[in-house]
């Protein structure tokens, strides 16, 4: 006997997305698999993400709470579409979409009973800004010996594989990933291809257009491998979307593709395990670490440190070398600590990646302020960190070896404000790589900074050819400040796309206030001033800093003004209601009054 539709489902609503369960049928049978749909309804302009979100984003996930003995297969995500924003490409969903999950109930369920299943949902909903969404969502479904009609809406969402009508293989050609589809059945439809969505995140460079060509045998797809892409899987899985159906007299424009990946050809190909971008990042990190030693706060100490090693060792070359190695170890370990913090943040926020954070206005504002302050520090508006270098050598109650190791750690702290101009690429690649590769990049940075100390402690006589500190170092420092300021200006340009010209005005005013705060701190907050003057300067600087950051973070109130158009004027005239037309211009200061 069939059961009438009687499942009871809750709904979950975040600020811009509503979620609800859609069961395949009115009841479930003991021991028989069944499907459950997760329908997401998005507010206009908002979207969530596919399992591979693209250049940034976070897929919708479910942390299941199921009855004993019941299991759930991975989510079968709906067919995504491309969403372009700020020059980046993401894969996701707008309006209404439905994901499918197949569940396996135990055979011990008793007909006539009711099961409650569901779990905690999490997603990222984005428009011009991104907000984490989700919560607990459950449904109660009766258990019956027989099940009634199947909900047809779930079957429409199922994406069928392109095989067996087609044979799919893939291979590596240079920096490209190639897929060949060959028809192996007669009278198979040949739809025009639209796009291929790879399941592996970070594998394909989405900024490079795909080549989707029709051949005599079938199709030829060519995609550019992403710089620093993850290791290639054994099989390439994804969804191939066409402009018409893959099945005669059908509506299935999307088909699942699973293709084995042939090894790269020996001639001129790039090994997928070691793409050039990773090697470049390691080299950039190593060179960046060496350049850090040219900073005015670090360079003068090199000779002093090596001579200190010589004095401690009493001219014993082996002991000098030992102090050099300990100092270098302190530098490298400190960079491992920085890498550990970044990897922890990435683990806590799975969507973190180079570029994703630039979608968030608060992150762009914070980075702009930070790099502006670092540039002002380079220009000499205020000083910080210059007294830390000698701390390690003055720690009492510790052995000479521990003091040397801690001096290496503190040397890294002193150089921290100077990493920006050199490490943008290396840090960016590190955030998109597995943990082991990221650690290698930061290790290369630490080894680069420690290299002069290792060489000079091994060959102390080379100190005679080390350039003497002089005005050239201050000139170099100020030049690097312009590089930092250029990066801050680029971030402000990015914010313009996120907040518009009104947000730009608030950001520039906020940066002005923060700049004045830094100037006050550097002019009257240093140790050469009286205590009372320092306290007043620091309080005033802190107030300007908070005010500037708060102004930059604030959003422009929604305006009741509408954009001018002749049609709108005619419409308002016809309504008989009085209205104002504001003639103005951005460059006209008096017009804004």
Protein backbone atom coordinates (compact mmCIF):
# COMPACT_ATOMS: atom_id res chain seq x y z
CA UNK A 1 0.00 0.00 0.00
CA UNK A 2 1.43 3.37 -1.03
CA UNK A 3 1.74 6.27 1.39
CA UNK A 4 0.50 9.82 0.72
CA UNK A 5 3.07 12.61 0.79
CA UNK A 6 3.45 13.37 4.49
CA UNK A 7 7.07 14.23 5.16
CA UNK A 8 7.49 17.18 7.52
CA UNK A 9 10.41 19.51 6.74
CA UNK A 10 11.79 22.60 8.40
CA UNK A 11 13.23 25.52 6.48
CA UNK A 12 16.38 27.51 7.16
CA UNK A 13 16.72 31.15 6.22
CA UNK A 14 19.88 33.25 6.34
CA UNK A 15 20.03 36.89 5.34
CA UNK A 16 19.99 36.20 1.59
CA UNK A 17 19.50 32.43 1.13
CA UNK A 18 16.65 30.08 2.11
CA UNK A 19 17.25 26.31 2.37
CA UNK A 20 14.76 23.45 2.59
CA UNK A 21 14.78 19.68 2.19
CA UNK A 22 12.87 18.10 -0.70
CA UNK A 23 12.41 14.30 -0.26
CA UNK A 24 12.33 11.99 -3.24
CA UNK A 25 9.13 10.33 -2.06
CA UNK A 26 6.57 10.48 0.72
CA UNK A 27 8.28 7.76 2.75
CA UNK A 28 11.40 5.62 2.85
CA UNK A 29 11.76 1.84 2.83
CA UNK A 30 14.00 -0.06 5.23
CA UNK A 31 17.32 -0.91 3.55
CA UNK A 32 16.47 0.88 0.27
CA UNK A 33 18.53 3.92 -0.84
CA UNK A 34 16.63 7.15 -1.34
CA UNK A 35 17.48 10.67 -2.47
CA UNK A 36 17.01 13.94 -0.65
CA UNK A 37 17.12 17.31 -2.38
CA UNK A 38 18.53 20.47 -0.82
CA UNK A 39 16.79 23.42 -2.43
CA UNK A 40 18.51 26.80 -2.09
CA UNK A 41 16.62 29.97 -2.99
CA UNK A 42 18.83 33.06 -3.38
CA UNK A 43 17.84 36.70 -3.05
CA UNK A 44 18.32 38.69 -6.29
CA UNK A 45 21.99 39.37 -6.95
CA UNK A 46 23.27 36.84 -4.39
CA UNK A 47 24.88 33.47 -5.05
CA UNK A 48 26.46 30.41 -3.41
CA UNK A 49 29.22 28.13 -4.75
CA UNK A 50 29.81 24.77 -6.43
CA UNK A 51 32.16 22.08 -5.03
CA UNK A 52 34.96 23.83 -7.00
CA UNK A 53 34.18 27.49 -6.31
CA UNK A 54 36.65 28.75 -8.93
CA UNK A 55 38.97 31.66 -8.18
CA UNK A 56 37.47 32.07 -4.70
CA UNK A 57 34.51 30.96 -2.59
CA UNK A 58 33.41 28.05 -0.42
CA UNK A 59 31.20 25.14 -1.39
CA UNK A 60 27.94 24.34 0.40
CA UNK A 61 28.57 21.55 2.92
CA UNK A 62 26.51 19.36 5.27
CA UNK A 63 27.58 18.00 8.65
CA UNK A 64 25.07 15.15 8.94
CA UNK A 65 23.12 14.06 12.01
CA UNK A 66 21.56 10.74 10.99
CA UNK A 67 19.83 7.86 12.76
CA UNK A 68 21.99 4.91 13.77
CA UNK A 69 22.97 2.79 10.79
CA UNK A 70 22.06 5.40 8.15
CA UNK A 71 24.82 6.79 5.88
CA UNK A 72 24.98 9.58 3.30
CA UNK A 73 26.92 9.72 0.04
CA UNK A 74 28.78 12.89 -1.00
CA UNK A 75 26.64 15.76 -2.25
CA UNK A 76 25.73 15.60 -5.94
CA UNK A 77 25.92 19.31 -6.69
CA UNK A 78 23.66 20.89 -9.26
CA UNK A 79 25.11 22.15 -12.54
CA UNK A 80 26.83 25.50 -11.82
CA UNK A 81 27.28 28.50 -14.04
CA UNK A 82 30.05 31.03 -14.35
CA UNK A 83 29.93 34.21 -12.25
CA UNK A 84 32.43 36.93 -13.18
CA UNK A 85 33.38 39.70 -10.76
CA UNK A 86 36.43 41.97 -10.41
CA UNK A 87 38.20 40.08 -13.20
CA UNK A 88 37.82 36.74 -11.36
CA UNK A 89 35.74 33.72 -12.38
CA UNK A 90 33.74 31.69 -9.89
CA UNK A 91 31.39 28.72 -10.23
CA UNK A 92 28.09 28.89 -8.39
CA UNK A 93 24.33 29.30 -8.26
CA UNK A 94 21.81 32.12 -8.36
CA UNK A 95 18.01 32.21 -8.09
CA UNK A 96 16.86 28.67 -7.15
CA UNK A 97 18.94 25.49 -7.33
CA UNK A 98 18.79 21.99 -5.87
CA UNK A 99 21.60 19.67 -4.77
CA UNK A 100 21.01 15.93 -4.35
CA UNK A 101 22.18 13.47 -1.70
CA UNK A 102 21.70 9.70 -1.72
CA UNK A 103 21.14 8.18 1.72
CA UNK A 104 21.23 4.52 2.76
CA UNK A 105 18.87 3.62 5.62
CA UNK A 106 19.43 0.45 7.63
CA UNK A 107 17.20 -2.59 7.03
CA UNK A 108 16.23 -2.54 10.69
CA UNK A 109 13.94 0.49 10.37
CA UNK A 110 10.38 -0.33 11.46
CA UNK A 111 7.52 0.52 9.04
CA UNK A 112 5.10 2.92 10.65
CA UNK A 113 7.84 4.80 12.51
CA UNK A 114 9.28 8.22 11.64
CA UNK A 115 12.93 9.14 11.25
CA UNK A 116 14.40 12.61 11.74
CA UNK A 117 17.46 13.40 9.68
CA UNK A 118 19.43 16.41 8.54
CA UNK A 119 22.38 18.29 9.96
CA UNK A 120 24.28 21.53 10.07
CA UNK A 121 24.54 23.33 6.72
CA UNK A 122 27.22 25.87 5.86
CA UNK A 123 27.69 28.03 2.78
CA UNK A 124 29.10 31.34 1.64
CA UNK A 125 26.59 33.80 0.18
CA UNK A 126 28.08 36.61 -1.90
CA UNK A 127 27.08 39.72 -3.78
CA UNK A 128 29.46 42.69 -3.53
CA UNK A 129 30.43 41.25 -0.15
CA UNK A 130 30.46 37.72 1.25
CA UNK A 131 28.66 36.50 4.37
CA UNK A 132 28.89 32.99 5.90
CA UNK A 133 25.46 31.38 6.06
CA UNK A 134 23.90 28.17 7.28
CA UNK A 135 22.48 26.51 10.37
CA UNK A 136 20.64 23.35 11.41
CA UNK A 137 18.05 21.93 9.02
CA UNK A 138 16.06 18.72 9.62
CA UNK A 139 13.21 16.76 8.09
CA UNK A 140 10.95 14.02 9.45
CA UNK A 141 10.12 11.20 7.02
CA UNK A 142 7.85 8.20 7.72
CA UNK A 143 9.05 4.64 7.19
CA UNK A 144 6.81 2.40 5.06
CA UNK A 145 6.91 -1.01 3.48
CA UNK A 146 5.97 0.51 0.10
CA UNK A 147 6.80 3.94 -1.31
CA UNK A 148 4.57 6.10 -3.47
CA UNK A 149 5.35 8.25 -6.48
CA UNK A 150 8.80 9.81 -6.91
CA UNK A 151 9.13 13.58 -6.86
CA UNK A 152 10.01 14.44 -10.51
CA UNK A 153 11.88 17.63 -9.60
CA UNK A 154 14.76 15.57 -8.16
CA UNK A 155 15.16 13.50 -11.31
CA UNK A 156 15.44 16.68 -13.41
CA UNK A 157 18.40 17.80 -11.28
CA UNK A 158 20.33 14.54 -11.79
CA UNK A 159 23.37 14.98 -14.06
CA UNK A 160 23.99 11.87 -16.15
CA UNK A 161 27.46 10.75 -17.30
CA UNK A 162 28.43 11.40 -20.90
CA UNK A 163 29.61 7.78 -21.16
CA UNK A 164 28.88 5.19 -22.58
CA UNK A 165 27.93 7.13 -25.71
CA UNK A 166 31.31 8.85 -25.63
CA UNK A 167 34.86 7.84 -24.81
CA UNK A 168 36.85 10.47 -22.91
CA UNK A 169 40.62 10.66 -22.40
CA UNK A 170 42.83 13.53 -21.27
CA UNK A 171 46.53 14.34 -21.41
CA UNK A 172 49.08 17.03 -20.62
CA UNK A 173 50.54 19.07 -23.50
CA UNK A 174 53.07 21.59 -22.22
CA UNK A 175 51.16 23.88 -19.87
CA UNK A 176 47.78 22.77 -21.21
CA UNK A 177 45.30 20.11 -20.17
CA UNK A 178 43.60 18.49 -23.18
CA UNK A 179 40.41 16.38 -23.21
CA UNK A 180 39.40 14.32 -26.24
CA UNK A 181 35.78 13.09 -26.58
CA UNK A 182 35.08 10.49 -29.24
CA UNK A 183 31.62 9.18 -30.11
CA UNK A 184 31.31 5.37 -29.90
CA UNK A 185 27.57 5.11 -30.63
CA UNK A 186 25.62 5.68 -33.81
CA UNK A 187 23.23 8.63 -34.14
CA UNK A 188 24.62 10.30 -31.02
CA UNK A 189 23.66 13.99 -30.80
CA UNK A 190 26.54 16.41 -31.36
CA UNK A 191 25.60 19.52 -29.33
CA UNK A 192 27.70 22.66 -29.45
CA UNK A 193 29.84 22.88 -26.32
CA UNK A 194 29.55 25.79 -23.91
CA UNK A 195 31.88 25.18 -20.93
CA UNK A 196 33.70 22.53 -18.89
CA UNK A 197 33.63 22.73 -15.08
CA UNK A 198 36.58 20.78 -13.56
CA UNK A 199 35.96 19.35 -10.09
CA UNK A 200 39.54 19.90 -8.83
CA UNK A 201 39.94 23.37 -7.36
CA UNK A 202 42.93 25.37 -8.60
CA UNK A 203 43.72 22.99 -11.49
CA UNK A 204 42.75 25.22 -14.43
CA UNK A 205 43.66 28.88 -15.01
CA UNK A 206 40.19 30.39 -15.37
CA UNK A 207 41.54 33.70 -16.72
CA UNK A 208 42.57 31.93 -19.96
CA UNK A 209 39.64 31.11 -22.29
CA UNK A 210 39.01 27.41 -22.94
CA UNK A 211 39.25 26.01 -26.47
CA UNK A 212 36.11 23.97 -27.21
CA UNK A 213 36.40 22.57 -30.73
CA UNK A 214 34.33 20.10 -32.72
CA UNK A 215 36.31 17.45 -34.64
CA UNK A 216 35.41 14.66 -37.06
CA UNK A 217 35.54 12.12 -34.22
CA UNK A 218 33.98 14.24 -31.48
CA UNK A 219 35.34 17.13 -29.41
CA UNK A 220 38.69 18.65 -28.46
CA UNK A 221 38.93 20.67 -25.23
CA UNK A 222 42.07 22.59 -24.26
CA UNK A 223 42.55 24.37 -20.91
CA UNK A 224 45.55 26.17 -19.43
CA UNK A 225 46.90 24.63 -16.25
CA UNK A 226 46.87 27.06 -13.34
CA UNK A 227 50.26 28.33 -12.07
CA UNK A 228 51.09 26.33 -8.96
CA UNK A 229 48.26 23.87 -9.61
CA UNK A 230 47.77 20.93 -7.22
CA UNK A 231 49.03 17.46 -8.19
CA UNK A 232 47.04 15.95 -11.04
CA UNK A 233 44.46 13.32 -10.02
CA UNK A 234 44.37 9.85 -11.57
CA UNK A 235 41.17 10.82 -13.38
CA UNK A 236 39.86 14.18 -14.49
CA UNK A 237 36.24 14.62 -13.40
CA UNK A 238 33.92 17.47 -14.23
CA UNK A 239 30.70 18.64 -15.87
CA UNK A 240 30.54 19.42 -19.57
CA UNK A 241 27.76 21.83 -20.48
CA UNK A 242 26.45 22.10 -24.03
CA UNK A 243 24.08 24.56 -25.71
CA UNK A 244 21.61 21.77 -26.47
CA UNK A 245 20.80 18.31 -25.10
CA UNK A 246 23.24 15.37 -25.07
CA UNK A 247 20.27 13.02 -25.50
CA UNK A 248 17.93 12.94 -28.47
CA UNK A 249 14.54 14.46 -27.60
CA UNK A 250 15.88 15.38 -24.17
CA UNK A 251 16.71 18.45 -22.12
CA UNK A 252 19.98 17.33 -20.54
CA UNK A 253 22.48 20.04 -21.50
CA UNK A 254 24.96 18.93 -18.81
CA UNK A 255 26.86 15.64 -18.67
CA UNK A 256 29.42 14.25 -16.24
CA UNK A 257 32.86 13.49 -17.70
CA UNK A 258 35.46 11.20 -16.14
CA UNK A 259 38.65 10.83 -18.16
CA UNK A 260 41.91 9.10 -17.33
CA UNK A 261 44.95 11.39 -17.57
CA UNK A 262 47.75 10.16 -19.81
CA UNK A 263 51.36 10.97 -18.74
CA UNK A 264 52.92 14.12 -20.16
CA UNK A 265 54.89 13.67 -23.36
CA UNK A 266 58.65 13.85 -22.93
CA UNK A 267 59.19 16.62 -25.46
CA UNK A 268 58.87 20.06 -23.98
CA UNK A 269 56.30 19.20 -21.34
CA UNK A 270 56.16 20.41 -17.79
CA UNK A 271 56.10 17.96 -14.92
CA UNK A 272 52.81 18.35 -13.02
CA UNK A 273 54.59 17.66 -9.74
CA UNK A 274 56.91 20.64 -10.14
CA UNK A 275 55.43 23.53 -12.13
CA UNK A 276 57.76 26.43 -12.85
CA UNK A 277 55.69 28.81 -10.69
CA UNK A 278 56.61 26.94 -7.51
CA UNK A 279 60.31 26.97 -8.39
CA UNK A 280 59.99 30.68 -9.20
CA UNK A 281 58.29 31.30 -5.85
CA UNK A 282 61.09 29.47 -4.03
CA UNK A 283 63.71 31.53 -5.87
CA UNK A 284 61.78 34.77 -5.22
CA UNK A 285 61.51 33.89 -1.54
CA UNK A 286 65.24 33.12 -1.30
CA UNK A 287 66.23 36.37 -3.04
CA UNK A 288 63.70 38.32 -0.99
CA UNK A 289 65.24 36.96 2.18
CA UNK A 290 68.70 38.09 1.06
CA UNK A 291 67.41 41.58 0.19
CA UNK A 292 65.90 41.92 3.66
CA UNK A 293 69.45 42.16 4.98
CA UNK A 294 69.90 45.44 3.10
CA UNK A 295 67.35 47.19 5.30
CA UNK A 296 68.87 49.97 7.43
CA UNK A 297 67.57 48.27 10.57
CA UNK A 298 69.34 45.00 9.70
CA UNK A 299 72.40 45.64 7.52
CA UNK A 300 74.55 47.50 10.09
CA UNK A 301 74.12 44.63 12.52
CA UNK A 302 75.54 41.94 10.20
CA UNK A 303 79.16 42.88 10.82
CA UNK A 304 78.52 43.42 14.52
CA UNK A 305 76.90 40.01 14.86
CA UNK A 306 79.68 38.16 13.06
CA UNK A 307 82.35 40.00 15.06
CA UNK A 308 80.37 39.14 18.17
CA UNK A 309 80.47 35.48 17.16
CA UNK A 310 84.25 35.74 16.72
CA UNK A 311 84.69 37.32 20.16
CA UNK A 312 82.47 34.72 21.80
CA UNK A 313 84.38 31.90 20.14
CA UNK A 314 87.81 33.32 20.98
CA UNK A 315 88.98 33.08 17.34
CA UNK A 316 87.95 29.39 17.21
CA UNK A 317 86.60 29.00 13.65
CA UNK A 318 84.47 25.97 14.58
CA UNK A 319 82.73 27.92 17.34
CA UNK A 320 82.21 30.90 15.04
CA UNK A 321 80.55 28.58 12.54
CA UNK A 322 78.41 27.07 15.33
CA UNK A 323 77.12 30.53 16.32
CA UNK A 324 76.35 31.30 12.68
CA UNK A 325 74.32 28.10 12.30
CA UNK A 326 72.38 28.77 15.52
CA UNK A 327 71.61 32.32 14.41
CA UNK A 328 70.43 31.02 11.00
CA UNK A 329 68.29 28.39 12.74
CA UNK A 330 66.58 31.11 14.76
CA UNK A 331 65.78 33.00 11.55
CA UNK A 332 64.36 29.92 9.78
CA UNK A 333 62.34 28.76 12.81
CA UNK A 334 60.74 32.21 13.11
CA UNK A 335 59.62 32.02 9.45
CA UNK A 336 58.20 28.56 10.15
CA UNK A 337 56.16 30.19 12.89
CA UNK A 338 54.77 32.73 10.42
CA UNK A 339 53.97 29.92 7.98
CA UNK A 340 52.21 27.98 10.73
CA UNK A 341 49.96 30.94 11.53
CA UNK A 342 49.02 31.41 7.86
CA UNK A 343 48.29 27.70 7.38
CA UNK A 344 46.18 27.67 10.55
CA UNK A 345 44.12 30.60 9.25
CA UNK A 346 43.72 28.83 5.91
CA UNK A 347 42.54 25.65 7.69
CA UNK A 348 40.02 27.59 9.80
CA UNK A 349 38.75 29.52 6.77
CA UNK A 350 38.73 27.03 3.86
CA UNK A 351 37.93 29.75 1.37
CA UNK A 352 41.14 31.56 2.14
CA UNK A 353 43.32 31.93 -0.88
CA UNK A 354 45.28 34.52 -2.74
CA UNK A 355 42.64 36.77 -4.26
CA UNK A 356 39.63 35.53 -2.30
CA UNK A 357 40.33 37.91 0.58
CA UNK A 358 40.29 40.85 -1.87
CA UNK A 359 36.54 40.25 -2.33
CA UNK A 360 35.99 41.41 1.27
CA UNK A 361 35.98 45.23 1.71
CA UNK A 362 37.13 44.96 5.33
CA UNK A 363 40.21 42.98 4.27
CA UNK A 364 41.04 45.39 1.44
CA UNK A 365 40.69 48.37 3.79
CA UNK A 366 42.89 46.76 6.46
CA UNK A 367 45.60 45.85 3.92
CA UNK A 368 45.52 49.35 2.39
CA UNK A 369 45.98 50.96 5.80
CA UNK A 370 48.73 48.51 6.73
CA UNK A 371 50.79 49.04 3.58
CA UNK A 372 50.37 52.82 3.79
CA UNK A 373 51.71 52.75 7.37
CA UNK A 374 54.60 50.51 6.32
CA UNK A 375 55.43 52.95 3.52
CA UNK A 376 55.38 55.86 5.97
CA UNK A 377 57.70 53.88 8.22
CA UNK A 378 60.06 53.44 5.26
CA UNK A 379 59.91 57.20 4.62
CA UNK A 380 60.97 57.85 8.22
CA UNK A 381 57.70 59.43 9.41
CA UNK A 382 57.86 57.14 12.44
CA UNK A 383 60.15 54.34 13.59
CA UNK A 384 59.46 50.91 14.98
CA UNK A 385 61.39 47.75 15.68
CA UNK A 386 64.88 49.27 15.57
CA UNK A 387 65.66 48.35 19.20
CA UNK A 388 64.75 44.69 18.95
CA UNK A 389 67.87 43.42 17.20
CA UNK A 390 70.13 43.64 20.21
CA UNK A 391 67.71 42.16 22.71
CA UNK A 392 68.70 38.58 22.12
CA UNK A 393 72.34 39.26 22.96
CA UNK A 394 71.43 40.90 26.24
CA UNK A 395 69.26 38.14 27.72
CA UNK A 396 70.71 37.18 31.06
CA UNK A 397 70.79 33.75 32.58
CA UNK A 398 70.96 31.95 29.24
CA UNK A 399 73.74 30.16 27.44
CA UNK A 400 75.60 31.76 24.55
CA UNK A 401 73.94 29.32 22.13
CA UNK A 402 70.41 30.23 23.25
CA UNK A 403 71.25 33.94 23.03
CA UNK A 404 72.50 33.48 19.47
CA UNK A 405 69.37 31.50 18.48
CA UNK A 406 67.06 34.16 19.97
CA UNK A 407 69.01 36.87 18.15
CA UNK A 408 68.05 35.14 14.90
CA UNK A 409 64.39 35.11 15.91
CA UNK A 410 64.45 38.80 16.79
CA UNK A 411 66.23 39.67 13.54
CA UNK A 412 63.20 38.33 11.72
CA UNK A 413 60.87 40.53 13.78
CA UNK A 414 62.92 43.58 12.85
CA UNK A 415 62.71 42.74 9.12
CA UNK A 416 58.96 41.99 9.13
CA UNK A 417 57.83 45.45 7.88
CA UNK A 418 60.17 45.12 4.89
CA UNK A 419 58.79 41.91 3.37
CA UNK A 420 55.97 43.46 1.36
CA UNK A 421 57.75 44.46 -1.87
CA UNK A 422 59.42 41.07 -2.35
CA UNK A 423 57.06 38.46 -0.94
CA UNK A 424 53.73 39.20 -2.62
CA UNK A 425 54.21 36.46 -5.23
CA UNK A 426 55.79 33.95 -2.85
CA UNK A 427 53.16 34.38 -0.14
CA UNK A 428 50.40 34.29 -2.76
CA UNK A 429 51.61 30.98 -4.14
CA UNK A 430 52.13 29.62 -0.62
CA UNK A 431 48.48 30.25 0.25
CA UNK A 432 47.32 28.27 -2.79
CA UNK A 433 49.67 25.32 -2.26
CA UNK A 434 49.58 22.26 -0.02
CA UNK A 435 51.06 22.76 3.44
CA UNK A 436 54.35 21.09 2.50
CA UNK A 437 54.94 23.47 -0.44
CA UNK A 438 53.99 26.50 1.66
CA UNK A 439 56.49 25.47 4.31
CA UNK A 440 59.18 25.14 1.62
CA UNK A 441 58.49 28.69 0.42
CA UNK A 442 58.83 30.16 3.90
CA UNK A 443 61.89 28.01 4.51
CA UNK A 444 63.48 29.50 1.38
CA UNK A 445 62.69 32.99 2.67
CA UNK A 446 64.34 32.24 6.03
CA UNK A 447 67.36 30.58 4.42
CA UNK A 448 67.77 33.62 2.15
CA UNK A 449 67.83 36.00 5.09
CA UNK A 450 70.22 33.73 7.02
CA UNK A 451 72.63 33.15 4.09
CA UNK A 452 74.88 36.20 4.70
CA UNK A 453 75.31 35.21 8.35
CA UNK A 454 76.19 31.64 7.39
CA UNK A 455 78.72 32.75 4.78
CA UNK A 456 80.38 35.39 6.96
CA UNK A 457 80.55 33.13 9.99
CA UNK A 458 82.15 30.48 7.79
CA UNK A 459 84.52 33.02 6.18
CA UNK A 460 84.92 35.94 8.67
CA UNK A 461 87.63 37.45 6.48
CA UNK A 462 84.97 38.42 3.95
CA UNK A 463 83.85 41.16 6.33
CA UNK A 464 86.55 43.35 4.78
CA UNK A 465 84.61 43.51 1.48
CA UNK A 466 81.16 44.10 3.00
CA UNK A 467 80.02 47.63 2.07
CA UNK A 468 80.00 50.05 4.94
CA UNK A 469 76.66 51.38 6.15
CA UNK A 470 75.93 54.80 4.71
CA UNK A 471 73.36 57.15 3.18
CA UNK A 472 72.76 54.67 0.33
CA UNK A 473 70.85 52.44 2.76
CA UNK A 474 68.39 55.21 3.66
CA UNK A 475 67.84 55.91 -0.03
CA UNK A 476 67.13 52.22 -0.63
CA UNK A 477 64.71 52.15 2.28
CA UNK A 478 62.78 55.15 0.97
CA UNK A 479 62.65 53.69 -2.54
CA UNK A 480 61.12 50.50 -1.14
CA UNK A 481 58.57 52.69 0.62
CA UNK A 482 57.31 53.84 -2.78
CA UNK A 483 56.78 50.20 -3.78
CA UNK A 484 54.69 49.66 -0.67
CA UNK A 485 52.71 52.83 -1.38
CA UNK A 486 52.07 51.66 -4.95
CA UNK A 487 50.59 48.42 -3.62
CA UNK A 488 48.40 50.42 -1.20
CA UNK A 489 47.16 52.53 -4.14
CA UNK A 490 46.27 49.37 -6.07
CA UNK A 491 44.27 48.10 -3.10
CA UNK A 492 42.36 51.40 -2.98
CA UNK A 493 41.52 50.89 -6.66
CA UNK A 494 40.20 47.41 -5.82
CA UNK A 495 38.03 48.92 -3.08
CA UNK A 496 36.51 51.32 -5.61
CA UNK A 497 35.02 48.35 -7.42
CA UNK A 498 33.60 46.98 -4.15
CA UNK A 499 32.25 50.20 -2.56
CA UNK A 500 31.95 52.69 -5.44
CA UNK A 501 33.07 56.33 -5.50
CA UNK A 502 31.39 57.12 -2.15
CA UNK A 503 33.33 54.31 -0.51
CA UNK A 504 36.47 55.63 -2.21
CA UNK A 505 35.93 59.07 -0.64
CA UNK A 506 35.54 57.57 2.82
CA UNK A 507 38.61 55.41 2.32
CA UNK A 508 40.84 58.30 1.21
CA UNK A 509 39.66 60.48 4.11
CA UNK A 510 40.25 57.60 6.51
CA UNK A 511 43.77 57.07 5.13
CA UNK A 512 44.48 60.78 5.59
CA UNK A 513 43.44 60.58 9.26
CA UNK A 514 45.55 57.45 9.81
CA UNK A 515 48.51 59.13 8.10
CA UNK A 516 48.20 62.16 10.40
CA UNK A 517 48.04 59.76 13.38
CA UNK A 518 51.30 58.13 12.28
CA UNK A 519 52.92 61.56 11.83
CA UNK A 520 51.87 62.68 15.33
CA UNK A 521 53.14 59.43 16.82
CA UNK A 522 56.48 59.73 15.05
CA UNK A 523 56.89 63.48 15.79
CA UNK A 524 55.88 63.62 19.45
CA UNK A 525 55.47 60.02 20.62
CA UNK A 526 59.12 58.97 20.54
CA UNK A 527 61.45 58.58 23.54
CA UNK A 528 63.13 61.94 22.99
CA UNK A 529 59.98 63.73 24.20
CA UNK A 530 58.80 64.29 27.75
CA UNK A 531 56.51 61.62 29.19
CA UNK A 532 53.50 63.96 29.30
CA UNK A 533 54.00 64.92 25.66
CA UNK A 534 54.34 61.27 24.64
CA UNK A 535 51.11 60.31 26.40
CA UNK A 536 49.11 63.14 24.79
CA UNK A 537 50.58 62.32 21.35
CA UNK A 538 49.77 58.62 21.65
CA UNK A 539 46.19 59.27 22.83
CA UNK A 540 45.61 61.73 19.98
CA UNK A 541 47.21 59.38 17.44
CA UNK A 542 45.09 56.47 18.70
CA UNK A 543 41.92 58.56 18.37
CA UNK A 544 42.75 59.57 14.80
CA UNK A 545 43.65 55.98 13.96
CA UNK A 546 40.34 54.61 15.26
CA UNK A 547 38.41 57.43 13.60
CA UNK A 548 40.12 56.94 10.25
CA UNK A 549 39.64 53.18 10.20
CA UNK A 550 36.00 53.51 11.34
CA UNK A 551 35.29 56.04 8.59
CA UNK A 552 36.86 53.80 5.95
CA UNK A 553 34.86 50.79 7.14
CA UNK A 554 31.53 52.64 7.28
CA UNK A 555 29.08 52.15 4.44
CA UNK A 556 27.45 54.98 2.54
CA UNK A 557 23.77 55.38 3.54
CA UNK A 558 21.32 54.38 0.86
CA UNK A 559 20.19 57.40 -1.15
CA UNK A 560 16.64 58.09 -2.27
CA UNK A 561 17.96 59.81 -5.41
CA UNK A 562 17.52 57.99 -8.70
CA UNK A 563 19.78 58.08 -11.72
CA UNK A 564 18.66 60.62 -14.31
CA UNK A 565 16.98 59.48 -17.51
CA UNK A 566 14.60 61.20 -19.91
CA UNK A 567 12.13 58.33 -19.53
CA UNK A 568 12.09 58.75 -15.73
CA UNK A 569 11.41 62.49 -16.08
CA UNK A 570 8.49 61.81 -18.45
CA UNK A 571 7.09 59.20 -16.06
CA UNK A 572 7.24 61.57 -13.08
CA UNK A 573 5.65 64.36 -15.10
CA UNK A 574 2.80 62.08 -16.06
CA UNK A 575 2.23 61.12 -12.41
CA UNK A 576 1.63 64.75 -11.48
CA UNK A 577 3.92 64.54 -8.46
CA UNK A 578 6.52 67.27 -7.83
CA UNK A 579 10.16 66.20 -8.13
CA UNK A 580 13.65 67.70 -8.09
CA UNK A 581 16.42 67.32 -10.67
CA UNK A 582 19.89 67.73 -9.14
CA UNK A 583 22.47 69.05 -11.60
CA UNK A 584 25.93 68.33 -10.22
CA UNK A 585 29.43 67.04 -11.01
CA UNK A 586 32.09 65.24 -9.03
CA UNK A 587 34.60 68.02 -9.67
CA UNK A 588 32.19 70.80 -8.60
CA UNK A 589 32.74 71.29 -4.86
CA UNK A 590 30.07 74.00 -4.48
CA UNK A 591 27.54 71.79 -6.29
CA UNK A 592 27.85 69.22 -3.50
CA UNK A 593 26.94 71.69 -0.74
